[in-house]
Amino acid sequence: MNQEYWNKALAFHGHSCPGLAIGLRACEAVAEKMGVSPAFDEEMVCITENDTCSVDAIQAVMSCTLGKGNLIYKNIGKQAYTFICRKTGRAMRFYMKARQNGMAPAEFREYILRAPVDELFSYQKVKVEMPEPARRFESVACELCGESAAELKIRLQEGKKVCLSCFREYSRW
């Protein structure tokens, strides 16, 4: 385990837990299997399939964030992460295969931090479409609440520009 990366993730997340350890070890698996180092801008993209503590470690160590557009959240509920190197186009998916199996949280965290990455993760090369870099959008004021939203999130409703919060979805189901 890289102590410097652990300290960085811990400072960002605020407490030590198995989830943070999973994220740290995913970063180490990426570095080992893809031959990359932590990204400092948008070189690496992470598509995470969960919204757990592990993602905080990925943000802190790999510098993948929602704001930069290189952290993409897909709500699937799996401890899985696809990393894409923008420079090479190479992509690999890492799936957490290790399970707690009755261990106390502290014991499981220590196991995750010490076990070989091959024991923790299954991984494979994958083909994915390269996500485009983050874009800026014009702000448009909602004609109902007056708050501004990015233009791609504005809908037309009864001839008015409305934000998603004010928009009434139409469905017969």
N, C-alpha and C. Protein backbone atom coordinates (compact mmCIF):
# COMPACT_ATOMS: atom_id res chain seq x y z
N MET A 1 0.85 -1.18 0.00
CA MET A 1 0.00 0.00 0.00
C MET A 1 0.89 1.24 0.00
N ASN A 2 0.53 2.20 -0.81
CA ASN A 2 1.25 3.46 -0.89
C ASN A 2 0.74 4.38 0.23
N GLN A 3 1.57 4.60 1.23
CA GLN A 3 1.18 5.39 2.40
C GLN A 3 0.85 6.84 2.05
N GLU A 4 1.59 7.41 1.12
CA GLU A 4 1.34 8.79 0.70
C GLU A 4 -0.07 8.93 0.10
N TYR A 5 -0.43 7.98 -0.76
CA TYR A 5 -1.76 8.01 -1.37
C TYR A 5 -2.85 7.78 -0.32
N TRP A 6 -2.59 6.87 0.63
CA TRP A 6 -3.55 6.61 1.69
C TRP A 6 -3.80 7.87 2.51
N ASN A 7 -2.72 8.57 2.86
CA ASN A 7 -2.86 9.80 3.64
C ASN A 7 -3.64 10.86 2.88
N LYS A 8 -3.39 10.95 1.59
CA LYS A 8 -4.10 11.91 0.75
C LYS A 8 -5.60 11.58 0.70
N ALA A 9 -5.92 10.31 0.48
CA ALA A 9 -7.32 9.87 0.44
C ALA A 9 -8.00 10.08 1.78
N LEU A 10 -7.29 9.75 2.85
CA LEU A 10 -7.83 9.89 4.20
C LEU A 10 -8.12 11.36 4.53
N ALA A 11 -7.21 12.24 4.16
CA ALA A 11 -7.43 13.67 4.40
C ALA A 11 -8.64 14.18 3.63
N PHE A 12 -8.83 13.69 2.43
CA PHE A 12 -9.97 14.11 1.61
C PHE A 12 -11.28 13.57 2.16
N HIS A 13 -11.29 12.29 2.51
CA HIS A 13 -12.52 11.60 2.92
C HIS A 13 -12.92 11.89 4.37
N GLY A 14 -11.94 11.98 5.24
CA GLY A 14 -12.23 12.34 6.63
C GLY A 14 -12.19 11.20 7.63
N HIS A 15 -12.30 9.95 7.19
CA HIS A 15 -12.18 8.82 8.12
C HIS A 15 -11.71 7.58 7.37
N SER A 16 -11.20 6.66 8.14
CA SER A 16 -10.67 5.41 7.59
C SER A 16 -11.77 4.36 7.58
N CYS A 17 -11.98 3.71 6.43
CA CYS A 17 -13.03 2.71 6.32
C CYS A 17 -12.69 1.73 5.19
N PRO A 18 -13.37 0.59 5.14
CA PRO A 18 -13.11 -0.36 4.06
C PRO A 18 -13.35 0.24 2.67
N GLY A 19 -14.36 1.06 2.52
CA GLY A 19 -14.65 1.66 1.22
C GLY A 19 -13.51 2.52 0.71
N LEU A 20 -12.93 3.32 1.59
CA LEU A 20 -11.80 4.15 1.20
C LEU A 20 -10.62 3.28 0.79
N ALA A 21 -10.43 2.19 1.52
CA ALA A 21 -9.35 1.25 1.18
C ALA A 21 -9.58 0.63 -0.19
N ILE A 22 -10.82 0.29 -0.51
CA ILE A 22 -11.13 -0.27 -1.83
C ILE A 22 -10.74 0.72 -2.93
N GLY A 23 -11.12 1.97 -2.76
CA GLY A 23 -10.77 2.98 -3.75
C GLY A 23 -9.28 3.17 -3.90
N LEU A 24 -8.56 3.19 -2.79
CA LEU A 24 -7.11 3.33 -2.84
C LEU A 24 -6.49 2.18 -3.61
N ARG A 25 -6.92 0.96 -3.28
CA ARG A 25 -6.34 -0.21 -3.93
C ARG A 25 -6.74 -0.29 -5.40
N ALA A 26 -7.93 0.23 -5.76
CA ALA A 26 -8.30 0.32 -7.17
C ALA A 26 -7.32 1.23 -7.90
N CYS A 27 -6.96 2.34 -7.28
CA CYS A 27 -5.98 3.26 -7.88
C CYS A 27 -4.64 2.57 -8.06
N GLU A 28 -4.23 1.81 -7.07
CA GLU A 28 -2.96 1.09 -7.17
C GLU A 28 -3.03 0.01 -8.25
N ALA A 29 -4.18 -0.65 -8.37
CA ALA A 29 -4.35 -1.65 -9.43
C ALA A 29 -4.25 -0.99 -10.80
N VAL A 30 -4.85 0.17 -10.95
CA VAL A 30 -4.78 0.91 -12.21
C VAL A 30 -3.33 1.26 -12.54
N ALA A 31 -2.61 1.77 -11.55
CA ALA A 31 -1.21 2.13 -11.77
C ALA A 31 -0.39 0.90 -12.18
N GLU A 32 -0.62 -0.21 -11.51
CA GLU A 32 0.13 -1.43 -11.79
C GLU A 32 -0.24 -2.05 -13.14
N LYS A 33 -1.50 -2.21 -13.40
CA LYS A 33 -1.96 -2.94 -14.59
C LYS A 33 -1.96 -2.10 -15.86
N MET A 34 -2.13 -0.78 -15.71
CA MET A 34 -2.15 0.09 -16.89
C MET A 34 -0.85 0.85 -17.07
N GLY A 35 0.02 0.80 -16.06
CA GLY A 35 1.29 1.49 -16.16
C GLY A 35 1.17 3.00 -16.16
N VAL A 36 0.24 3.52 -15.38
CA VAL A 36 0.03 4.97 -15.30
C VAL A 36 0.27 5.45 -13.87
N SER A 37 0.45 6.74 -13.74
CA SER A 37 0.56 7.34 -12.43
C SER A 37 -0.67 8.22 -12.21
N PRO A 38 -0.86 8.69 -10.99
CA PRO A 38 -2.03 9.54 -10.74
C PRO A 38 -2.10 10.71 -11.73
N ALA A 39 -3.30 10.98 -12.18
CA ALA A 39 -3.52 12.07 -13.14
C ALA A 39 -3.56 13.40 -12.40
N PHE A 40 -3.10 14.44 -13.07
CA PHE A 40 -3.14 15.75 -12.45
C PHE A 40 -4.10 16.69 -13.15
N ASP A 41 -4.64 16.26 -14.26
CA ASP A 41 -5.65 17.07 -14.92
C ASP A 41 -6.74 16.13 -15.42
N GLU A 42 -6.86 15.96 -16.70
CA GLU A 42 -7.92 15.12 -17.24
C GLU A 42 -7.38 13.93 -18.01
N GLU A 43 -6.11 13.55 -17.77
CA GLU A 43 -5.50 12.46 -18.54
C GLU A 43 -6.23 11.14 -18.32
N MET A 44 -6.65 10.87 -17.11
CA MET A 44 -7.35 9.63 -16.80
C MET A 44 -8.83 9.94 -16.58
N VAL A 45 -9.65 9.04 -17.07
CA VAL A 45 -11.10 9.12 -16.86
C VAL A 45 -11.49 7.89 -16.06
N CYS A 46 -12.36 8.07 -15.08
CA CYS A 46 -12.89 6.95 -14.32
C CYS A 46 -14.40 6.92 -14.49
N ILE A 47 -14.90 5.77 -14.89
CA ILE A 47 -16.34 5.55 -14.90
C ILE A 47 -16.61 4.65 -13.70
N THR A 48 -17.24 5.21 -12.68
CA THR A 48 -17.53 4.44 -11.47
C THR A 48 -18.96 3.92 -11.54
N GLU A 49 -19.14 2.71 -11.07
CA GLU A 49 -20.46 2.09 -11.06
C GLU A 49 -21.11 2.15 -9.68
N ASN A 50 -20.57 2.98 -8.78
CA ASN A 50 -21.12 3.14 -7.44
C ASN A 50 -20.83 4.53 -6.93
N ASP A 51 -21.50 4.88 -5.84
CA ASP A 51 -21.29 6.19 -5.21
C ASP A 51 -20.89 6.01 -3.75
N THR A 52 -19.94 5.11 -3.50
CA THR A 52 -19.52 4.78 -2.14
C THR A 52 -18.25 5.54 -1.76
N CYS A 53 -17.77 5.28 -0.57
CA CYS A 53 -16.55 5.91 -0.06
C CYS A 53 -15.36 5.69 -0.98
N SER A 54 -15.36 4.59 -1.70
CA SER A 54 -14.24 4.28 -2.59
C SER A 54 -13.99 5.38 -3.61
N VAL A 55 -15.04 6.03 -4.05
CA VAL A 55 -14.92 7.05 -5.08
C VAL A 55 -14.16 8.27 -4.55
N ASP A 56 -14.24 8.53 -3.25
CA ASP A 56 -13.46 9.63 -2.68
C ASP A 56 -11.97 9.37 -2.82
N ALA A 57 -11.54 8.13 -2.64
CA ALA A 57 -10.11 7.81 -2.82
C ALA A 57 -9.71 8.03 -4.27
N ILE A 58 -10.56 7.65 -5.20
CA ILE A 58 -10.26 7.83 -6.62
C ILE A 58 -10.15 9.31 -6.96
N GLN A 59 -11.03 10.13 -6.37
CA GLN A 59 -10.93 11.58 -6.61
C GLN A 59 -9.63 12.13 -6.05
N ALA A 60 -9.28 11.72 -4.83
CA ALA A 60 -8.10 12.26 -4.17
C ALA A 60 -6.80 11.80 -4.83
N VAL A 61 -6.73 10.53 -5.18
CA VAL A 61 -5.49 9.97 -5.69
C VAL A 61 -5.34 10.14 -7.20
N MET A 62 -6.38 9.86 -7.96
CA MET A 62 -6.29 9.91 -9.42
C MET A 62 -6.72 11.25 -10.01
N SER A 63 -7.23 12.14 -9.18
CA SER A 63 -7.66 13.46 -9.62
C SER A 63 -8.79 13.39 -10.65
N CYS A 64 -9.62 12.36 -10.52
CA CYS A 64 -10.81 12.24 -11.37
C CYS A 64 -11.97 12.87 -10.61
N THR A 65 -12.57 13.90 -11.17
CA THR A 65 -13.65 14.60 -10.48
C THR A 65 -14.80 14.89 -11.43
N LEU A 66 -15.99 15.05 -10.86
CA LEU A 66 -17.16 15.40 -11.66
C LEU A 66 -16.96 16.75 -12.34
N GLY A 67 -16.38 17.69 -11.61
CA GLY A 67 -16.22 19.05 -12.13
C GLY A 67 -15.32 19.12 -13.35
N LYS A 68 -14.31 18.27 -13.42
CA LYS A 68 -13.41 18.25 -14.57
C LYS A 68 -13.94 17.37 -15.69
N GLY A 69 -15.00 16.64 -15.39
CA GLY A 69 -15.59 15.79 -16.41
C GLY A 69 -14.85 14.48 -16.63
N ASN A 70 -13.93 14.14 -15.74
CA ASN A 70 -13.21 12.88 -15.90
C ASN A 70 -13.58 11.86 -14.82
N LEU A 71 -14.69 12.11 -14.14
CA LEU A 71 -15.32 11.12 -13.26
C LEU A 71 -16.77 11.03 -13.72
N ILE A 72 -17.13 9.85 -14.17
CA ILE A 72 -18.48 9.63 -14.68
C ILE A 72 -19.15 8.60 -13.79
N TYR A 73 -20.32 8.94 -13.28
CA TYR A 73 -21.04 8.08 -12.35
C TYR A 73 -22.16 7.36 -13.07
N LYS A 74 -22.11 6.05 -13.05
CA LYS A 74 -23.19 5.21 -13.58
C LYS A 74 -23.77 4.44 -12.40
N ASN A 75 -25.00 4.69 -12.08
CA ASN A 75 -25.64 4.12 -10.89
C ASN A 75 -26.02 2.66 -11.12
N ILE A 76 -25.03 1.77 -11.00
CA ILE A 76 -25.25 0.35 -11.22
C ILE A 76 -25.18 -0.42 -9.90
N GLY A 77 -24.46 0.12 -8.91
CA GLY A 77 -24.38 -0.51 -7.61
C GLY A 77 -23.30 -1.55 -7.47
N LYS A 78 -22.34 -1.58 -8.38
CA LYS A 78 -21.24 -2.54 -8.30
C LYS A 78 -19.96 -1.84 -7.88
N GLN A 79 -19.11 -2.54 -7.16
CA GLN A 79 -17.78 -2.02 -6.84
C GLN A 79 -16.91 -2.25 -8.06
N ALA A 80 -17.15 -1.46 -9.10
CA ALA A 80 -16.43 -1.61 -10.36
C ALA A 80 -16.10 -0.23 -10.91
N TYR A 81 -14.95 -0.18 -11.57
CA TYR A 81 -14.42 1.09 -12.07
C TYR A 81 -13.76 0.83 -13.42
N THR A 82 -14.11 1.62 -14.41
CA THR A 82 -13.42 1.55 -15.70
C THR A 82 -12.55 2.79 -15.80
N PHE A 83 -11.28 2.58 -16.05
CA PHE A 83 -10.33 3.68 -16.21
C PHE A 83 -9.91 3.75 -17.67
N ILE A 84 -9.87 4.97 -18.19
CA ILE A 84 -9.50 5.20 -19.58
C ILE A 84 -8.37 6.22 -19.60
N CYS A 85 -7.32 5.92 -20.32
CA CYS A 85 -6.22 6.85 -20.50
C CYS A 85 -6.49 7.65 -21.78
N ARG A 86 -6.69 8.94 -21.65
CA ARG A 86 -7.02 9.77 -22.82
C ARG A 86 -5.89 9.77 -23.85
N LYS A 87 -4.64 9.72 -23.40
CA LYS A 87 -3.50 9.79 -24.34
C LYS A 87 -3.42 8.55 -25.23
N THR A 88 -3.68 7.39 -24.66
CA THR A 88 -3.50 6.15 -25.41
C THR A 88 -4.81 5.52 -25.85
N GLY A 89 -5.91 5.89 -25.21
CA GLY A 89 -7.20 5.27 -25.50
C GLY A 89 -7.38 3.92 -24.82
N ARG A 90 -6.37 3.46 -24.10
CA ARG A 90 -6.47 2.18 -23.40
C ARG A 90 -7.48 2.29 -22.26
N ALA A 91 -8.24 1.22 -22.08
CA ALA A 91 -9.25 1.20 -21.02
C ALA A 91 -9.26 -0.16 -20.35
N MET A 92 -9.42 -0.15 -19.04
CA MET A 92 -9.53 -1.38 -18.27
C MET A 92 -10.62 -1.22 -17.22
N ARG A 93 -11.34 -2.31 -16.99
CA ARG A 93 -12.38 -2.34 -15.96
C ARG A 93 -11.88 -3.20 -14.81
N PHE A 94 -12.02 -2.65 -13.60
CA PHE A 94 -11.61 -3.32 -12.37
C PHE A 94 -12.85 -3.58 -11.53
N TYR A 95 -13.04 -4.83 -11.16
CA TYR A 95 -14.19 -5.24 -10.36
C TYR A 95 -13.69 -5.81 -9.03
N MET A 96 -14.23 -5.30 -7.92
CA MET A 96 -13.84 -5.77 -6.58
C MET A 96 -14.47 -7.14 -6.35
N LYS A 97 -13.63 -8.17 -6.33
CA LYS A 97 -14.14 -9.52 -6.15
C LYS A 97 -14.03 -10.00 -4.70
N ALA A 98 -13.17 -9.37 -3.91
CA ALA A 98 -13.00 -9.76 -2.51
C ALA A 98 -14.26 -9.42 -1.72
N ARG A 99 -14.62 -10.25 -0.77
CA ARG A 99 -15.81 -10.05 0.06
C ARG A 99 -15.43 -10.06 1.53
N GLN A 100 -16.28 -9.45 2.33
CA GLN A 100 -16.01 -9.28 3.76
C GLN A 100 -16.01 -10.61 4.53
N ASN A 101 -16.87 -11.53 4.15
CA ASN A 101 -16.91 -12.88 4.74
C ASN A 101 -16.81 -12.89 6.27
N GLY A 102 -17.64 -12.10 6.93
CA GLY A 102 -17.72 -12.12 8.38
C GLY A 102 -16.66 -11.31 9.12
N MET A 103 -15.75 -10.68 8.40
CA MET A 103 -14.72 -9.87 9.06
C MET A 103 -15.34 -8.59 9.60
N ALA A 104 -14.82 -8.13 10.73
CA ALA A 104 -15.20 -6.82 11.26
C ALA A 104 -14.71 -5.75 10.29
N PRO A 105 -15.36 -4.58 10.26
CA PRO A 105 -14.94 -3.54 9.31
C PRO A 105 -13.45 -3.19 9.37
N ALA A 106 -12.89 -3.05 10.57
CA ALA A 106 -11.46 -2.71 10.68
C ALA A 106 -10.59 -3.84 10.13
N GLU A 107 -10.98 -5.06 10.39
CA GLU A 107 -10.23 -6.22 9.90
C GLU A 107 -10.31 -6.29 8.36
N PHE A 108 -11.49 -6.04 7.82
CA PHE A 108 -11.66 -6.06 6.38
C PHE A 108 -10.84 -4.94 5.72
N ARG A 109 -10.86 -3.75 6.33
CA ARG A 109 -10.06 -2.63 5.81
C ARG A 109 -8.58 -3.02 5.75
N GLU A 110 -8.07 -3.62 6.82
CA GLU A 110 -6.66 -4.01 6.85
C GLU A 110 -6.36 -5.08 5.81
N TYR A 111 -7.28 -6.01 5.63
CA TYR A 111 -7.11 -7.03 4.60
C TYR A 111 -7.00 -6.37 3.23
N ILE A 112 -7.91 -5.44 2.94
CA ILE A 112 -7.90 -4.75 1.64
C ILE A 112 -6.59 -4.01 1.44
N LEU A 113 -6.11 -3.34 2.47
CA LEU A 113 -4.89 -2.55 2.34
C LEU A 113 -3.65 -3.41 2.15
N ARG A 114 -3.68 -4.66 2.58
CA ARG A 114 -2.47 -5.51 2.55
C ARG A 114 -2.48 -6.58 1.46
N ALA A 115 -3.65 -6.98 0.98
CA ALA A 115 -3.75 -8.09 0.03
C ALA A 115 -3.21 -7.69 -1.34
N PRO A 116 -2.70 -8.64 -2.10
CA PRO A 116 -2.29 -8.35 -3.48
C PRO A 116 -3.50 -7.90 -4.30
N VAL A 117 -3.27 -6.97 -5.24
CA VAL A 117 -4.40 -6.46 -6.03
C VAL A 117 -5.06 -7.56 -6.85
N ASP A 118 -4.31 -8.58 -7.25
CA ASP A 118 -4.91 -9.69 -8.00
C ASP A 118 -5.90 -10.49 -7.16
N GLU A 119 -5.72 -10.47 -5.86
CA GLU A 119 -6.64 -11.15 -4.95
C GLU A 119 -7.90 -10.32 -4.73
N LEU A 120 -7.77 -9.01 -4.83
CA LEU A 120 -8.88 -8.10 -4.58
C LEU A 120 -9.76 -7.85 -5.80
N PHE A 121 -9.14 -7.73 -6.97
CA PHE A 121 -9.84 -7.29 -8.16
C PHE A 121 -9.70 -8.28 -9.31
N SER A 122 -10.78 -8.39 -10.08
CA SER A 122 -10.65 -8.97 -11.41
C SER A 122 -10.55 -7.77 -12.33
N TYR A 123 -9.88 -7.93 -13.43
CA TYR A 123 -9.68 -6.80 -14.33
C TYR A 123 -9.56 -7.33 -15.75
N GLN A 124 -9.97 -6.47 -16.68
CA GLN A 124 -9.89 -6.84 -18.09
C GLN A 124 -9.81 -5.59 -18.94
N LYS A 125 -9.17 -5.72 -20.09
CA LYS A 125 -9.17 -4.63 -21.06
C LYS A 125 -10.56 -4.55 -21.65
N VAL A 126 -11.03 -3.35 -21.86
CA VAL A 126 -12.36 -3.14 -22.44
C VAL A 126 -12.27 -2.09 -23.53
N LYS A 127 -13.26 -2.10 -24.40
CA LYS A 127 -13.38 -1.06 -25.42
C LYS A 127 -14.53 -0.17 -25.00
N VAL A 128 -14.25 1.09 -24.87
CA VAL A 128 -15.28 2.06 -24.52
C VAL A 128 -15.12 3.28 -25.42
N GLU A 129 -16.21 3.95 -25.62
CA GLU A 129 -16.13 5.21 -26.36
C GLU A 129 -15.54 6.26 -25.44
N MET A 130 -14.56 6.98 -25.94
CA MET A 130 -13.90 8.00 -25.13
C MET A 130 -14.89 9.12 -24.80
N PRO A 131 -15.12 9.37 -23.51
CA PRO A 131 -15.99 10.49 -23.15
C PRO A 131 -15.35 11.81 -23.58
N GLU A 132 -16.16 12.71 -24.06
CA GLU A 132 -15.61 14.00 -24.45
C GLU A 132 -15.20 14.79 -23.22
N PRO A 133 -14.24 15.68 -23.36
CA PRO A 133 -13.86 16.53 -22.22
C PRO A 133 -15.06 17.36 -21.75
N ALA A 134 -14.97 17.83 -20.53
CA ALA A 134 -16.05 18.65 -19.96
C ALA A 134 -16.30 19.87 -20.85
N ARG A 135 -17.58 20.20 -21.02
CA ARG A 135 -17.96 21.36 -21.81
C ARG A 135 -18.62 22.39 -20.92
N ARG A 136 -18.61 23.62 -21.37
CA ARG A 136 -19.31 24.70 -20.68
C ARG A 136 -20.60 24.98 -21.43
N PHE A 137 -21.65 25.25 -20.67
CA PHE A 137 -22.94 25.53 -21.26
C PHE A 137 -23.44 26.89 -20.76
N GLU A 138 -24.19 27.55 -21.61
CA GLU A 138 -24.81 28.82 -21.23
C GLU A 138 -25.83 28.57 -20.12
N SER A 139 -25.98 29.54 -19.26
CA SER A 139 -27.00 29.47 -18.22
C SER A 139 -28.29 30.11 -18.74
N VAL A 140 -29.39 29.47 -18.42
CA VAL A 140 -30.70 29.96 -18.85
C VAL A 140 -31.57 30.06 -17.60
N ALA A 141 -32.25 31.20 -17.45
CA ALA A 141 -33.12 31.39 -16.29
C ALA A 141 -34.44 30.64 -16.50
N CYS A 142 -34.83 29.90 -15.49
CA CYS A 142 -36.12 29.21 -15.51
C CYS A 142 -37.23 30.26 -15.41
N GLU A 143 -38.22 30.14 -16.25
CA GLU A 143 -39.30 31.13 -16.26
C GLU A 143 -40.32 30.88 -15.16
N LEU A 144 -40.14 29.82 -14.37
CA LEU A 144 -41.05 29.58 -13.25
C LEU A 144 -40.40 29.98 -11.92
N CYS A 145 -39.21 29.48 -11.64
CA CYS A 145 -38.58 29.77 -10.34
C CYS A 145 -37.55 30.89 -10.40
N GLY A 146 -37.10 31.23 -11.61
CA GLY A 146 -36.13 32.31 -11.77
C GLY A 146 -34.67 31.88 -11.60
N GLU A 147 -34.43 30.65 -11.19
CA GLU A 147 -33.05 30.19 -11.02
C GLU A 147 -32.47 29.77 -12.36
N SER A 148 -31.16 29.98 -12.50
CA SER A 148 -30.48 29.61 -13.74
C SER A 148 -30.03 28.17 -13.71
N ALA A 149 -30.04 27.54 -14.88
CA ALA A 149 -29.55 26.18 -15.05
C ALA A 149 -28.83 26.10 -16.38
N ALA A 150 -27.95 25.10 -16.52
CA ALA A 150 -27.25 24.89 -17.78
C ALA A 150 -28.27 24.64 -18.88
N GLU A 151 -28.02 25.22 -20.05
CA GLU A 151 -28.99 25.15 -21.14
C GLU A 151 -29.38 23.72 -21.52
N LEU A 152 -28.48 22.76 -21.37
CA LEU A 152 -28.83 21.39 -21.74
C LEU A 152 -29.80 20.76 -20.75
N LYS A 153 -30.03 21.41 -19.63
CA LYS A 153 -30.96 20.88 -18.63
C LYS A 153 -32.28 21.65 -18.60
N ILE A 154 -32.47 22.55 -19.54
CA ILE A 154 -33.71 23.32 -19.63
C ILE A 154 -34.70 22.58 -20.54
N ARG A 155 -35.95 22.60 -20.19
CA ARG A 155 -37.01 21.98 -20.99
C ARG A 155 -38.04 23.03 -21.36
N LEU A 156 -38.73 22.79 -22.44
CA LEU A 156 -39.86 23.64 -22.82
C LEU A 156 -41.13 23.01 -22.26
N GLN A 157 -41.91 23.82 -21.57
CA GLN A 157 -43.17 23.35 -21.00
C GLN A 157 -44.19 24.46 -21.17
N GLU A 158 -45.21 24.18 -21.92
CA GLU A 158 -46.26 25.17 -22.18
C GLU A 158 -45.67 26.48 -22.69
N GLY A 159 -44.65 26.35 -23.56
CA GLY A 159 -44.03 27.52 -24.17
C GLY A 159 -43.02 28.25 -23.30
N LYS A 160 -42.77 27.76 -22.08
CA LYS A 160 -41.83 28.41 -21.18
C LYS A 160 -40.58 27.55 -21.01
N LYS A 161 -39.45 28.24 -20.82
CA LYS A 161 -38.20 27.55 -20.52
C LYS A 161 -38.19 27.26 -19.02
N VAL A 162 -38.11 25.97 -18.67
CA VAL A 162 -38.15 25.61 -17.25
C VAL A 162 -37.00 24.66 -16.90
N CYS A 163 -36.56 24.76 -15.66
CA CYS A 163 -35.48 23.89 -15.16
C CYS A 163 -36.06 22.51 -14.83
N LEU A 164 -35.20 21.55 -14.61
CA LEU A 164 -35.66 20.19 -14.31
C LEU A 164 -36.42 20.11 -12.99
N SER A 165 -36.11 21.01 -12.05
CA SER A 165 -36.84 21.01 -10.78
C SER A 165 -38.30 21.42 -10.97
N CYS A 166 -38.54 22.31 -11.89
CA CYS A 166 -39.89 22.80 -12.12
C CYS A 166 -40.64 22.00 -13.19
N PHE A 167 -39.93 21.29 -14.01
CA PHE A 167 -40.52 20.55 -15.12
C PHE A 167 -41.42 19.43 -14.62
N ARG A 168 -42.64 19.37 -15.16
CA ARG A 168 -43.57 18.28 -14.83
C ARG A 168 -43.46 17.22 -15.90
N GLU A 169 -42.95 16.08 -15.52
CA GLU A 169 -42.79 14.97 -16.45
C GLU A 169 -44.17 14.46 -16.88
N TYR A 170 -44.29 14.12 -18.14
CA TYR A 170 -45.54 13.60 -18.65
C TYR A 170 -45.36 12.10 -18.91
N SER A 171 -46.26 11.32 -18.35
CA SER A 171 -46.22 9.89 -18.58
C SER A 171 -47.60 9.31 -18.36
N ARG A 172 -47.93 8.29 -19.10
CA ARG A 172 -49.21 7.61 -18.92
C ARG A 172 -49.03 6.33 -18.14
N TRP A 173 -47.86 6.06 -17.71
CA TRP A 173 -47.58 4.82 -16.95
C TRP A 173 -47.63 5.09 -15.51
